[in-house]
Amino acid sequence: MKDVRESAKVIGNTMRGKIDYDAAAVIESLNVFRDASARFGELFPAGSETGEETEAAPAIWEDREGFDAAISKWAEATDVALAGLPDTLDEAKPVLGSVMQNCKGCHDDYRIEED
């Protein structure tokens, strides 16, 4: 999860203009997202919803179909970005924005916010 968080920072800071657009760094971050999306469901198996201090919301287990669909949407947006990442930040923003919106959408519904 730390790799995903760090990759999200790279993409987010790039989109905000806090760091220069570096397509190679963005692609590296998107590859982290792709790898994570392939195994995310395995991180939350049935029966794991209790007993650990976690930011995972009960909705993951209560709405497993929705959770899996959210992961799939994030993975699809990531694949689209990897298939044709534009050369400039202005051109890349819509594609990266879709990836980050899908990332955020999962957090909104399936993560307990830290105080």
PDB file of N, CA and C in Angstrom:
ATOM      1  N   MET A   1       0.820  -1.196   0.000  1.00  0.00           N
ATOM      2  CA  MET A   1       0.000   0.000   0.000  1.00  0.00           C
ATOM      3  C   MET A   1       0.866   1.264   0.000  1.00  0.00           C
ATOM      4  N   LYS A   2       2.042   1.159   0.611  1.00  0.00           N
ATOM      5  CA  LYS A   2       2.931   2.330   0.635  1.00  0.00           C
ATOM      6  C   LYS A   2       3.370   2.705  -0.775  1.00  0.00           C
ATOM      7  N   ASP A   3       3.626   1.696  -1.609  1.00  0.00           N
ATOM      8  CA  ASP A   3       4.014   1.971  -2.998  1.00  0.00           C
ATOM      9  C   ASP A   3       2.900   2.697  -3.742  1.00  0.00           C
ATOM     10  N   VAL A   4       1.664   2.288  -3.486  1.00  0.00           N
ATOM     11  CA  VAL A   4       0.519   2.931  -4.136  1.00  0.00           C
ATOM     12  C   VAL A   4       0.409   4.378  -3.671  1.00  0.00           C
ATOM     13  N   ARG A   5       0.566   4.583  -2.383  1.00  0.00           N
ATOM     14  CA  ARG A   5       0.492   5.946  -1.831  1.00  0.00           C
ATOM     15  C   ARG A   5       1.571   6.840  -2.438  1.00  0.00           C
ATOM     16  N   GLU A   6       2.789   6.338  -2.516  1.00  0.00           N
ATOM     17  CA  GLU A   6       3.889   7.124  -3.093  1.00  0.00           C
ATOM     18  C   GLU A   6       3.655   7.401  -4.578  1.00  0.00           C
ATOM     19  N   SER A   7       3.137   6.424  -5.280  1.00  0.00           N
ATOM     20  CA  SER A   7       2.846   6.613  -6.704  1.00  0.00           C
ATOM     21  C   SER A   7       1.736   7.638  -6.902  1.00  0.00           C
ATOM     22  N   ALA A   8       0.742   7.613  -6.038  1.00  0.00           N
ATOM     23  CA  ALA A   8      -0.338   8.609  -6.112  1.00  0.00           C
ATOM     24  C   ALA A   8       0.213  10.011  -5.874  1.00  0.00           C
ATOM     25  N   LYS A   9       1.187  10.118  -4.984  1.00  0.00           N
ATOM     26  CA  LYS A   9       1.814  11.428  -4.740  1.00  0.00           C
ATOM     27  C   LYS A   9       2.534  11.926  -5.986  1.00  0.00           C
ATOM     28  N   VAL A  10       3.241  11.043  -6.660  1.00  0.00           N
ATOM     29  CA  VAL A  10       3.957  11.437  -7.879  1.00  0.00           C
ATOM     30  C   VAL A  10       2.968  11.958  -8.917  1.00  0.00           C
ATOM     31  N   ILE A  11       1.905  11.206  -9.147  1.00  0.00           N
ATOM     32  CA  ILE A  11       0.927  11.621 -10.159  1.00  0.00           C
ATOM     33  C   ILE A  11       0.202  12.887  -9.718  1.00  0.00           C
ATOM     34  N   GLY A  12      -0.234  12.936  -8.469  1.00  0.00           N
ATOM     35  CA  GLY A  12      -0.940  14.116  -7.970  1.00  0.00           C
ATOM     36  C   GLY A  12      -0.092  15.372  -8.014  1.00  0.00           C
ATOM     37  N   ASN A  13       1.141  15.273  -7.558  1.00  0.00           N
ATOM     38  CA  ASN A  13       2.032  16.439  -7.577  1.00  0.00           C
ATOM     39  C   ASN A  13       2.379  16.867  -8.999  1.00  0.00           C
ATOM     40  N   THR A  14       2.465  15.906  -9.900  1.00  0.00           N
ATOM     41  CA  THR A  14       2.697  16.232 -11.306  1.00  0.00           C
ATOM     42  C   THR A  14       1.502  16.999 -11.863  1.00  0.00           C
ATOM     43  N   MET A  15       0.302  16.507 -11.594  1.00  0.00           N
ATOM     44  CA  MET A  15      -0.899  17.161 -12.116  1.00  0.00           C
ATOM     45  C   MET A  15      -1.069  18.574 -11.562  1.00  0.00           C
ATOM     46  N   ARG A  16      -0.635  18.775 -10.323  1.00  0.00           N
ATOM     47  CA  ARG A  16      -0.743  20.101  -9.694  1.00  0.00           C
ATOM     48  C   ARG A  16       0.402  21.033 -10.087  1.00  0.00           C
ATOM     49  N   GLY A  17       1.367  20.525 -10.826  1.00  0.00           N
ATOM     50  CA  GLY A  17       2.500  21.340 -11.238  1.00  0.00           C
ATOM     51  C   GLY A  17       3.543  21.519 -10.158  1.00  0.00           C
ATOM     52  N   LYS A  18       3.466  20.713  -9.096  1.00  0.00           N
ATOM     53  CA  LYS A  18       4.456  20.807  -8.021  1.00  0.00           C
ATOM     54  C   LYS A  18       5.778  20.172  -8.421  1.00  0.00           C
ATOM     55  N   ILE A  19       5.716  19.232  -9.340  1.00  0.00           N
ATOM     56  CA  ILE A  19       6.932  18.652  -9.911  1.00  0.00           C
ATOM     57  C   ILE A  19       6.771  18.642 -11.430  1.00  0.00           C
ATOM     58  N   ASP A  20       7.878  18.685 -12.128  1.00  0.00           N
ATOM     59  CA  ASP A  20       7.850  18.700 -13.587  1.00  0.00           C
ATOM     60  C   ASP A  20       7.285  17.387 -14.126  1.00  0.00           C
ATOM     61  N   TYR A  21       6.602  17.491 -15.244  1.00  0.00           N
ATOM     62  CA  TYR A  21       6.056  16.313 -15.913  1.00  0.00           C
ATOM     63  C   TYR A  21       7.200  15.452 -16.425  1.00  0.00           C
ATOM     64  N   ASP A  22       7.238  14.233 -15.938  1.00  0.00           N
ATOM     65  CA  ASP A  22       8.235  13.248 -16.343  1.00  0.00           C
ATOM     66  C   ASP A  22       7.461  11.985 -16.703  1.00  0.00           C
ATOM     67  N   ALA A  23       7.251  11.778 -17.996  1.00  0.00           N
ATOM     68  CA  ALA A  23       6.429  10.653 -18.446  1.00  0.00           C
ATOM     69  C   ALA A  23       6.940   9.322 -17.901  1.00  0.00           C
ATOM     70  N   ALA A  24       8.248   9.151 -17.816  1.00  0.00           N
ATOM     71  CA  ALA A  24       8.806   7.892 -17.309  1.00  0.00           C
ATOM     72  C   ALA A  24       8.417   7.673 -15.849  1.00  0.00           C
ATOM     73  N   ALA A  25       8.459   8.720 -15.035  1.00  0.00           N
ATOM     74  CA  ALA A  25       8.073   8.603 -13.624  1.00  0.00           C
ATOM     75  C   ALA A  25       6.582   8.330 -13.492  1.00  0.00           C
ATOM     76  N   VAL A  26       5.783   8.961 -14.337  1.00  0.00           N
ATOM     77  CA  VAL A  26       4.339   8.730 -14.312  1.00  0.00           C
ATOM     78  C   VAL A  26       4.035   7.294 -14.734  1.00  0.00           C
ATOM     79  N   ILE A  27       4.699   6.818 -15.767  1.00  0.00           N
ATOM     80  CA  ILE A  27       4.496   5.437 -16.211  1.00  0.00           C
ATOM     81  C   ILE A  27       4.891   4.458 -15.113  1.00  0.00           C
ATOM     82  N   GLU A  28       5.986   4.726 -14.437  1.00  0.00           N
ATOM     83  CA  GLU A  28       6.407   3.872 -13.317  1.00  0.00           C
ATOM     84  C   GLU A  28       5.318   3.837 -12.247  1.00  0.00           C
ATOM     85  N   SER A  29       4.748   4.985 -11.931  1.00  0.00           N
ATOM     86  CA  SER A  29       3.675   5.052 -10.935  1.00  0.00           C
ATOM     87  C   SER A  29       2.428   4.320 -11.417  1.00  0.00           C
ATOM     88  N   LEU A  30       2.092   4.483 -12.681  1.00  0.00           N
ATOM     89  CA  LEU A  30       0.932   3.781 -13.234  1.00  0.00           C
ATOM     90  C   LEU A  30       1.140   2.269 -13.214  1.00  0.00           C
ATOM     91  N   ASN A  31       2.357   1.819 -13.431  1.00  0.00           N
ATOM     92  CA  ASN A  31       2.641   0.384 -13.345  1.00  0.00           C
ATOM     93  C   ASN A  31       2.464  -0.136 -11.924  1.00  0.00           C
ATOM     94  N   VAL A  32       2.803   0.677 -10.933  1.00  0.00           N
ATOM     95  CA  VAL A  32       2.545   0.301  -9.536  1.00  0.00           C
ATOM     96  C   VAL A  32       1.041   0.149  -9.332  1.00  0.00           C
ATOM     97  N   PHE A  33       0.263   1.101  -9.861  1.00  0.00           N
ATOM     98  CA  PHE A  33      -1.198   1.016  -9.759  1.00  0.00           C
ATOM     99  C   PHE A  33      -1.711  -0.265 -10.422  1.00  0.00           C
ATOM    100  N   ARG A  34      -1.211  -0.550 -11.617  1.00  0.00           N
ATOM    101  CA  ARG A  34      -1.675  -1.746 -12.334  1.00  0.00           C
ATOM    102  C   ARG A  34      -1.384  -3.003 -11.519  1.00  0.00           C
ATOM    103  N   ASP A  35      -0.161  -3.118 -11.013  1.00  0.00           N
ATOM    104  CA  ASP A  35       0.207  -4.288 -10.219  1.00  0.00           C
ATOM    105  C   ASP A  35      -0.651  -4.395  -8.964  1.00  0.00           C
ATOM    106  N   ALA A  36      -0.892  -3.270  -8.306  1.00  0.00           N
ATOM    107  CA  ALA A  36      -1.699  -3.269  -7.086  1.00  0.00           C
ATOM    108  C   ALA A  36      -3.140  -3.653  -7.382  1.00  0.00           C
ATOM    109  N   SER A  37      -3.690  -3.135  -8.460  1.00  0.00           N
ATOM    110  CA  SER A  37      -5.091  -3.426  -8.771  1.00  0.00           C
ATOM    111  C   SER A  37      -5.309  -4.916  -9.024  1.00  0.00           C
ATOM    112  N   ALA A  38      -4.298  -5.588  -9.528  1.00  0.00           N
ATOM    113  CA  ALA A  38      -4.404  -7.019  -9.800  1.00  0.00           C
ATOM    114  C   ALA A  38      -4.473  -7.850  -8.523  1.00  0.00           C
ATOM    115  N   ARG A  39      -3.979  -7.307  -7.418  1.00  0.00           N
ATOM    116  CA  ARG A  39      -3.963  -8.077  -6.167  1.00  0.00           C
ATOM    117  C   ARG A  39      -4.771  -7.438  -5.044  1.00  0.00           C
ATOM    118  N   PHE A  40      -5.419  -6.313  -5.295  1.00  0.00           N
ATOM    119  CA  PHE A  40      -6.132  -5.608  -4.235  1.00  0.00           C
ATOM    120  C   PHE A  40      -7.201  -6.469  -3.583  1.00  0.00           C
ATOM    121  N   GLY A  41      -7.975  -7.169  -4.386  1.00  0.00           N
ATOM    122  CA  GLY A  41      -9.039  -7.997  -3.829  1.00  0.00           C
ATOM    123  C   GLY A  41      -8.522  -9.040  -2.853  1.00  0.00           C
ATOM    124  N   GLU A  42      -7.349  -9.571  -3.123  1.00  0.00           N
ATOM    125  CA  GLU A  42      -6.745 -10.588  -2.264  1.00  0.00           C
ATOM    126  C   GLU A  42      -6.349 -10.033  -0.897  1.00  0.00           C
ATOM    127  N   LEU A  43      -6.201  -8.726  -0.792  1.00  0.00           N
ATOM    128  CA  LEU A  43      -5.801  -8.116   0.475  1.00  0.00           C
ATOM    129  C   LEU A  43      -6.943  -8.047   1.474  1.00  0.00           C
ATOM    130  N   PHE A  44      -8.168  -8.292   0.999  1.00  0.00           N
ATOM    131  CA  PHE A  44      -9.346  -8.160   1.851  1.00  0.00           C
ATOM    132  C   PHE A  44     -10.235  -9.400   1.732  1.00  0.00           C
ATOM    133  N   PRO A  45      -9.722 -10.588   2.099  1.00  0.00           N
ATOM    134  CA  PRO A  45     -10.531 -11.801   1.965  1.00  0.00           C
ATOM    135  C   PRO A  45     -11.664 -11.841   2.992  1.00  0.00           C
ATOM    136  N   ALA A  46     -12.669 -12.642   2.698  1.00  0.00           N
ATOM    137  CA  ALA A  46     -13.772 -12.834   3.647  1.00  0.00           C
ATOM    138  C   ALA A  46     -13.193 -13.284   4.985  1.00  0.00           C
ATOM    139  N   GLY A  47     -13.709 -12.720   6.060  1.00  0.00           N
ATOM    140  CA  GLY A  47     -13.246 -13.051   7.399  1.00  0.00           C
ATOM    141  C   GLY A  47     -12.141 -12.158   7.914  1.00  0.00           C
ATOM    142  N   SER A  48     -11.622 -11.281   7.074  1.00  0.00           N
ATOM    143  CA  SER A  48     -10.530 -10.403   7.503  1.00  0.00           C
ATOM    144  C   SER A  48     -11.030  -9.035   7.945  1.00  0.00           C
ATOM    145  N   GLU A  49     -12.342  -8.875   8.023  1.00  0.00           N
ATOM    146  CA  GLU A  49     -12.891  -7.561   8.339  1.00  0.00           C
ATOM    147  C   GLU A  49     -12.773  -7.167   9.809  1.00  0.00           C
ATOM    148  N   THR A  50     -12.375  -8.085  10.664  1.00  0.00           N
ATOM    149  CA  THR A  50     -12.223  -7.757  12.081  1.00  0.00           C
ATOM    150  C   THR A  50     -10.867  -8.227  12.580  1.00  0.00           C
ATOM    151  N   GLY A  51     -10.475  -7.683  13.709  1.00  0.00           N
ATOM    152  CA  GLY A  51      -9.269  -8.144  14.364  1.00  0.00           C
ATOM    153  C   GLY A  51      -8.014  -7.362  14.063  1.00  0.00           C
ATOM    154  N   GLU A  52      -8.066  -6.438  13.169  1.00  0.00           N
ATOM    155  CA  GLU A  52      -6.894  -5.646  12.809  1.00  0.00           C
ATOM    156  C   GLU A  52      -7.242  -4.168  12.862  1.00  0.00           C
ATOM    157  N   GLU A  53      -6.250  -3.354  13.190  1.00  0.00           N
ATOM    158  CA  GLU A  53      -6.434  -1.910  13.064  1.00  0.00           C
ATOM    159  C   GLU A  53      -6.285  -1.590  11.582  1.00  0.00           C
ATOM    160  N   THR A  54      -7.322  -1.002  11.002  1.00  0.00           N
ATOM    161  CA  THR A  54      -7.338  -0.833   9.554  1.00  0.00           C
ATOM    162  C   THR A  54      -8.119   0.402   9.143  1.00  0.00           C
ATOM    163  N   GLU A  55      -7.836   0.882   7.954  1.00  0.00           N
ATOM    164  CA  GLU A  55      -8.613   1.959   7.349  1.00  0.00           C
ATOM    165  C   GLU A  55      -9.669   1.390   6.407  1.00  0.00           C
ATOM    166  N   ALA A  56      -9.721   0.082   6.282  1.00  0.00           N
ATOM    167  CA  ALA A  56     -10.696  -0.560   5.401  1.00  0.00           C
ATOM    168  C   ALA A  56     -12.088  -0.439   6.010  1.00  0.00           C
ATOM    169  N   ALA A  57     -13.019   0.084   5.224  1.00  0.00           N
ATOM    170  CA  ALA A  57     -14.395   0.254   5.688  1.00  0.00           C
ATOM    171  C   ALA A  57     -15.144  -1.079   5.592  1.00  0.00           C
ATOM    172  N   PRO A  58     -16.114  -1.292   6.481  1.00  0.00           N
ATOM    173  CA  PRO A  58     -16.925  -2.510   6.409  1.00  0.00           C
ATOM    174  C   PRO A  58     -17.594  -2.710   5.047  1.00  0.00           C
ATOM    175  N   ALA A  59     -17.789  -1.629   4.310  1.00  0.00           N
ATOM    176  CA  ALA A  59     -18.437  -1.724   3.000  1.00  0.00           C
ATOM    177  C   ALA A  59     -17.683  -2.651   2.047  1.00  0.00           C
ATOM    178  N   ILE A  60     -16.388  -2.843   2.261  1.00  0.00           N
ATOM    179  CA  ILE A  60     -15.623  -3.763   1.404  1.00  0.00           C
ATOM    180  C   ILE A  60     -16.247  -5.147   1.447  1.00  0.00           C
ATOM    181  N   TRP A  61     -16.616  -5.610   2.623  1.00  0.00           N
ATOM    182  CA  TRP A  61     -17.166  -6.942   2.782  1.00  0.00           C
ATOM    183  C   TRP A  61     -18.682  -6.948   2.607  1.00  0.00           C
ATOM    184  N   GLU A  62     -19.324  -5.850   2.942  1.00  0.00           N
ATOM    185  CA  GLU A  62     -20.782  -5.756   2.813  1.00  0.00           C
ATOM    186  C   GLU A  62     -21.207  -5.584   1.360  1.00  0.00           C
ATOM    187  N   ASP A  63     -20.372  -4.964   0.554  1.00  0.00           N
ATOM    188  CA  ASP A  63     -20.664  -4.710  -0.859  1.00  0.00           C
ATOM    189  C   ASP A  63     -19.470  -5.154  -1.695  1.00  0.00           C
ATOM    190  N   ARG A  64     -19.160  -6.432  -1.603  1.00  0.00           N
ATOM    191  CA  ARG A  64     -17.970  -6.951  -2.279  1.00  0.00           C
ATOM    192  C   ARG A  64     -18.039  -6.747  -3.791  1.00  0.00           C
ATOM    193  N   GLU A  65     -19.222  -6.927  -4.356  1.00  0.00           N
ATOM    194  CA  GLU A  65     -19.374  -6.741  -5.799  1.00  0.00           C
ATOM    195  C   GLU A  65     -19.042  -5.299  -6.201  1.00  0.00           C
ATOM    196  N   GLY A  66     -19.520  -4.343  -5.419  1.00  0.00           N
ATOM    197  CA  GLY A  66     -19.226  -2.937  -5.692  1.00  0.00           C
ATOM    198  C   GLY A  66     -17.747  -2.624  -5.527  1.00  0.00           C
ATOM    199  N   PHE A  67     -17.134  -3.201  -4.494  1.00  0.00           N
ATOM    200  CA  PHE A  67     -15.706  -3.002  -4.253  1.00  0.00           C
ATOM    201  C   PHE A  67     -14.889  -3.547  -5.420  1.00  0.00           C
ATOM    202  N   ASP A  68     -15.210  -4.761  -5.842  1.00  0.00           N
ATOM    203  CA  ASP A  68     -14.487  -5.358  -6.967  1.00  0.00           C
ATOM    204  C   ASP A  68     -14.685  -4.545  -8.244  1.00  0.00           C
ATOM    205  N   ALA A  69     -15.894  -4.011  -8.439  1.00  0.00           N
ATOM    206  CA  ALA A  69     -16.165  -3.175  -9.616  1.00  0.00           C
ATOM    207  C   ALA A  69     -15.352  -1.882  -9.564  1.00  0.00           C
ATOM    208  N   ALA A  70     -15.223  -1.296  -8.373  1.00  0.00           N
ATOM    209  CA  ALA A  70     -14.436  -0.065  -8.220  1.00  0.00           C
ATOM    210  C   ALA A  70     -12.965  -0.322  -8.542  1.00  0.00           C
ATOM    211  N   ILE A  71     -12.450  -1.444  -8.090  1.00  0.00           N
ATOM    212  CA  ILE A  71     -11.063  -1.803  -8.407  1.00  0.00           C
ATOM    213  C   ILE A  71     -10.907  -1.984  -9.918  1.00  0.00           C
ATOM    214  N   SER A  72     -11.871  -2.623 -10.540  1.00  0.00           N
ATOM    215  CA  SER A  72     -11.818  -2.836 -11.990  1.00  0.00           C
ATOM    216  C   SER A  72     -11.827  -1.520 -12.759  1.00  0.00           C
ATOM    217  N   LYS A  73     -12.637  -0.568 -12.313  1.00  0.00           N
ATOM    218  CA  LYS A  73     -12.680   0.739 -12.977  1.00  0.00           C
ATOM    219  C   LYS A  73     -11.333   1.447 -12.865  1.00  0.00           C
ATOM    220  N   TRP A  74     -10.719   1.363 -11.684  1.00  0.00           N
ATOM    221  CA  TRP A  74      -9.398   1.959 -11.470  1.00  0.00           C
ATOM    222  C   TRP A  74      -8.367   1.284 -12.384  1.00  0.00           C
ATOM    223  N   ALA A  75      -8.425  -0.049 -12.451  1.00  0.00           N
ATOM    224  CA  ALA A  75      -7.492  -0.794 -13.299  1.00  0.00           C
ATOM    225  C   ALA A  75      -7.685  -0.431 -14.771  1.00  0.00           C
ATOM    226  N   GLU A  76      -8.933  -0.315 -15.204  1.00  0.00           N
ATOM    227  CA  GLU A  76      -9.211   0.038 -16.599  1.00  0.00           C
ATOM    228  C   GLU A  76      -8.692   1.436 -16.928  1.00  0.00           C
ATOM    229  N   ALA A  77      -8.923   2.387 -16.041  1.00  0.00           N
ATOM    230  CA  ALA A  77      -8.427   3.752 -16.268  1.00  0.00           C
ATOM    231  C   ALA A  77      -6.901   3.765 -16.318  1.00  0.00           C
ATOM    232  N   THR A  78      -6.281   2.963 -15.468  1.00  0.00           N
ATOM    233  CA  THR A  78      -4.820   2.858 -15.460  1.00  0.00           C
ATOM    234  C   THR A  78      -4.316   2.264 -16.771  1.00  0.00           C
ATOM    235  N   ASP A  79      -4.983   1.221 -17.247  1.00  0.00           N
ATOM    236  CA  ASP A  79      -4.580   0.604 -18.512  1.00  0.00           C
ATOM    237  C   ASP A  79      -4.716   1.575 -19.683  1.00  0.00           C
ATOM    238  N   VAL A  80      -5.786   2.370 -19.683  1.00  0.00           N
ATOM    239  CA  VAL A  80      -5.966   3.373 -20.739  1.00  0.00           C
ATOM    240  C   VAL A  80      -4.807   4.368 -20.714  1.00  0.00           C
ATOM    241  N   ALA A  81      -4.446   4.816 -19.516  1.00  0.00           N
ATOM    242  CA  ALA A  81      -3.340   5.772 -19.390  1.00  0.00           C
ATOM    243  C   ALA A  81      -2.026   5.159 -19.873  1.00  0.00           C
ATOM    244  N   LEU A  82      -1.787   3.920 -19.509  1.00  0.00           N
ATOM    245  CA  LEU A  82      -0.545   3.266 -19.929  1.00  0.00           C
ATOM    246  C   LEU A  82      -0.510   2.998 -21.431  1.00  0.00           C
ATOM    247  N   ALA A  83      -1.662   2.796 -22.024  1.00  0.00           N
ATOM    248  CA  ALA A  83      -1.717   2.483 -23.453  1.00  0.00           C
ATOM    249  C   ALA A  83      -1.393   3.683 -24.332  1.00  0.00           C
ATOM    250  N   GLY A  84      -1.561   4.874 -23.787  1.00  0.00           N
ATOM    251  CA  GLY A  84      -1.302   6.037 -24.630  1.00  0.00           C
ATOM    252  C   GLY A  84      -1.079   7.296 -23.839  1.00  0.00           C
ATOM    253  N   LEU A  85      -0.098   7.274 -22.966  1.00  0.00           N
ATOM    254  CA  LEU A  85       0.190   8.458 -22.164  1.00  0.00           C
ATOM    255  C   LEU A  85       0.729   9.564 -23.064  1.00  0.00           C
ATOM    256  N   PRO A  86       0.061  10.713 -23.079  1.00  0.00           N
ATOM    257  CA  PRO A  86       0.518  11.829 -23.922  1.00  0.00           C
ATOM    258  C   PRO A  86       1.888  12.361 -23.497  1.00  0.00           C
ATOM    259  N   ASP A  87       2.481  13.121 -24.405  1.00  0.00           N
ATOM    260  CA  ASP A  87       3.822  13.663 -24.193  1.00  0.00           C
ATOM    261  C   ASP A  87       3.855  14.899 -23.308  1.00  0.00           C
ATOM    262  N   THR A  88       2.725  15.595 -23.190  1.00  0.00           N
ATOM    263  CA  THR A  88       2.711  16.824 -22.399  1.00  0.00           C
ATOM    264  C   THR A  88       1.742  16.699 -21.233  1.00  0.00           C
ATOM    265  N   LEU A  89       2.002  17.469 -20.199  1.00  0.00           N
ATOM    266  CA  LEU A  89       1.143  17.445 -19.022  1.00  0.00           C
ATOM    267  C   LEU A  89      -0.277  17.877 -19.365  1.00  0.00           C
ATOM    268  N   ASP A  90      -0.419  18.927 -20.146  1.00  0.00           N
ATOM    269  CA  ASP A  90      -1.762  19.396 -20.503  1.00  0.00           C
ATOM    270  C   ASP A  90      -2.568  18.303 -21.193  1.00  0.00           C
ATOM    271  N   GLU A  91      -1.926  17.554 -22.058  1.00  0.00           N
ATOM    272  CA  GLU A  91      -2.608  16.455 -22.743  1.00  0.00           C
ATOM    273  C   GLU A  91      -2.838  15.261 -21.814  1.00  0.00           C
ATOM    274  N   ALA A  92      -1.948  15.061 -20.853  1.00  0.00           N
ATOM    275  CA  ALA A  92      -2.041  13.912 -19.955  1.00  0.00           C
ATOM    276  C   ALA A  92      -3.047  14.118 -18.825  1.00  0.00           C
ATOM    277  N   LYS A  93      -3.322  15.358 -18.468  1.00  0.00           N
ATOM    278  CA  LYS A  93      -4.195  15.623 -17.317  1.00  0.00           C
ATOM    279  C   LYS A  93      -5.543  14.911 -17.376  1.00  0.00           C
ATOM    280  N   PRO A  94      -6.262  14.923 -18.502  1.00  0.00           N
ATOM    281  CA  PRO A  94      -7.552  14.221 -18.510  1.00  0.00           C
ATOM    282  C   PRO A  94      -7.419  12.715 -18.264  1.00  0.00           C
ATOM    283  N   VAL A  95      -6.403  12.114 -18.849  1.00  0.00           N
ATOM    284  CA  VAL A  95      -6.188  10.678 -18.692  1.00  0.00           C
ATOM    285  C   VAL A  95      -5.800  10.360 -17.247  1.00  0.00           C
ATOM    286  N   LEU A  96      -4.868  11.130 -16.709  1.00  0.00           N
ATOM    287  CA  LEU A  96      -4.437  10.918 -15.327  1.00  0.00           C
ATOM    288  C   LEU A  96      -5.549  11.280 -14.355  1.00  0.00           C
ATOM    289  N   GLY A  97      -6.332  12.284 -14.699  1.00  0.00           N
ATOM    290  CA  GLY A  97      -7.461  12.670 -13.858  1.00  0.00           C
ATOM    291  C   GLY A  97      -8.453  11.534 -13.705  1.00  0.00           C
ATOM    292  N   SER A  98      -8.692  10.796 -14.764  1.00  0.00           N
ATOM    293  CA  SER A  98      -9.586   9.642 -14.701  1.00  0.00           C
ATOM    294  C   SER A  98      -9.035   8.572 -13.766  1.00  0.00           C
ATOM    295  N   VAL A  99      -7.747   8.322 -13.854  1.00  0.00           N
ATOM    296  CA  VAL A  99      -7.105   7.342 -12.964  1.00  0.00           C
ATOM    297  C   VAL A  99      -7.281   7.772 -11.508  1.00  0.00           C
ATOM    298  N   MET A 100      -6.982   9.026 -11.231  1.00  0.00           N
ATOM    299  CA  MET A 100      -7.033   9.508  -9.850  1.00  0.00           C
ATOM    300  C   MET A 100      -8.467   9.596  -9.330  1.00  0.00           C
ATOM    301  N   GLN A 101      -9.435   9.930 -10.200  1.00  0.00           N
ATOM    302  CA  GLN A 101     -10.843   9.960  -9.785  1.00  0.00           C
ATOM    303  C   GLN A 101     -11.308   8.570  -9.391  1.00  0.00           C
ATOM    304  N   ASN A 102     -10.892   7.566 -10.147  1.00  0.00           N
ATOM    305  CA  ASN A 102     -11.272   6.201  -9.807  1.00  0.00           C
ATOM    306  C   ASN A 102     -10.591   5.735  -8.531  1.00  0.00           C
ATOM    307  N   CYS A 103      -9.374   6.173  -8.305  1.00  0.00           N
ATOM    308  CA  CYS A 103      -8.674   5.886  -7.053  1.00  0.00           C
ATOM    309  C   CYS A 103      -9.435   6.519  -5.886  1.00  0.00           C
ATOM    310  N   LYS A 104      -9.787   7.782  -6.032  1.00  0.00           N
ATOM    311  CA  LYS A 104     -10.509   8.513  -4.995  1.00  0.00           C
ATOM    312  C   LYS A 104     -11.898   7.921  -4.760  1.00  0.00           C
ATOM    313  N   GLY A 105     -12.564   7.502  -5.831  1.00  0.00           N
ATOM    314  CA  GLY A 105     -13.897   6.930  -5.698  1.00  0.00           C
ATOM    315  C   GLY A 105     -13.901   5.707  -4.801  1.00  0.00           C
ATOM    316  N   CYS A 106     -12.897   4.891  -4.925  1.00  0.00           N
ATOM    317  CA  CYS A 106     -12.787   3.716  -4.064  1.00  0.00           C
ATOM    318  C   CYS A 106     -12.555   4.145  -2.617  1.00  0.00           C
ATOM    319  N   HIS A 107     -11.707   5.119  -2.411  1.00  0.00           N
ATOM    320  CA  HIS A 107     -11.453   5.626  -1.065  1.00  0.00           C
ATOM    321  C   HIS A 107     -12.725   6.194  -0.456  1.00  0.00           C
ATOM    322  N   ASP A 108     -13.489   6.942  -1.243  1.00  0.00           N
ATOM    323  CA  ASP A 108     -14.713   7.561  -0.730  1.00  0.00           C
ATOM    324  C   ASP A 108     -15.685   6.524  -0.195  1.00  0.00           C
ATOM    325  N   ASP A 109     -15.789   5.394  -0.876  1.00  0.00           N
ATOM    326  CA  ASP A 109     -16.785   4.387  -0.509  1.00  0.00           C
ATOM    327  C   ASP A 109     -16.252   3.261   0.366  1.00  0.00           C
ATOM    328  N   TYR A 110     -14.962   2.982   0.296  1.00  0.00           N
ATOM    329  CA  TYR A 110     -14.449   1.763   0.926  1.00  0.00           C
ATOM    330  C   TYR A 110     -13.275   1.981   1.874  1.00  0.00           C
ATOM    331  N   ARG A 111     -13.073   3.199   2.290  1.00  0.00           N
ATOM    332  CA  ARG A 111     -11.968   3.499   3.213  1.00  0.00           C
ATOM    333  C   ARG A 111     -12.473   4.396   4.328  1.00  0.00           C
ATOM    334  N   ILE A 112     -12.029   4.115   5.524  1.00  0.00           N
ATOM    335  CA  ILE A 112     -12.334   4.963   6.673  1.00  0.00           C
ATOM    336  C   ILE A 112     -11.282   6.057   6.714  1.00  0.00           C
ATOM    337  N   GLU A 113     -11.718   7.293   6.676  1.00  0.00           N
ATOM    338  CA  GLU A 113     -10.788   8.422   6.681  1.00  0.00           C
ATOM    339  C   GLU A 113     -10.080   8.534   8.027  1.00  0.00           C
ATOM    340  N   GLU A 114      -8.802   8.841   7.958  1.00  0.00           N
ATOM    341  CA  GLU A 114      -8.026   9.095   9.168  1.00  0.00           C
ATOM    342  C   GLU A 114      -8.411  10.455   9.719  1.00  0.00           C
ATOM    343  N   ASP A 115      -8.300  10.588  11.021  1.00  0.00           N
ATOM    344  CA  ASP A 115      -8.576  11.896  11.645  1.00  0.00           C
ATOM    345  C   ASP A 115      -7.427  12.841  11.465  1.00  0.00           C
TER     346      ASP A 115
END
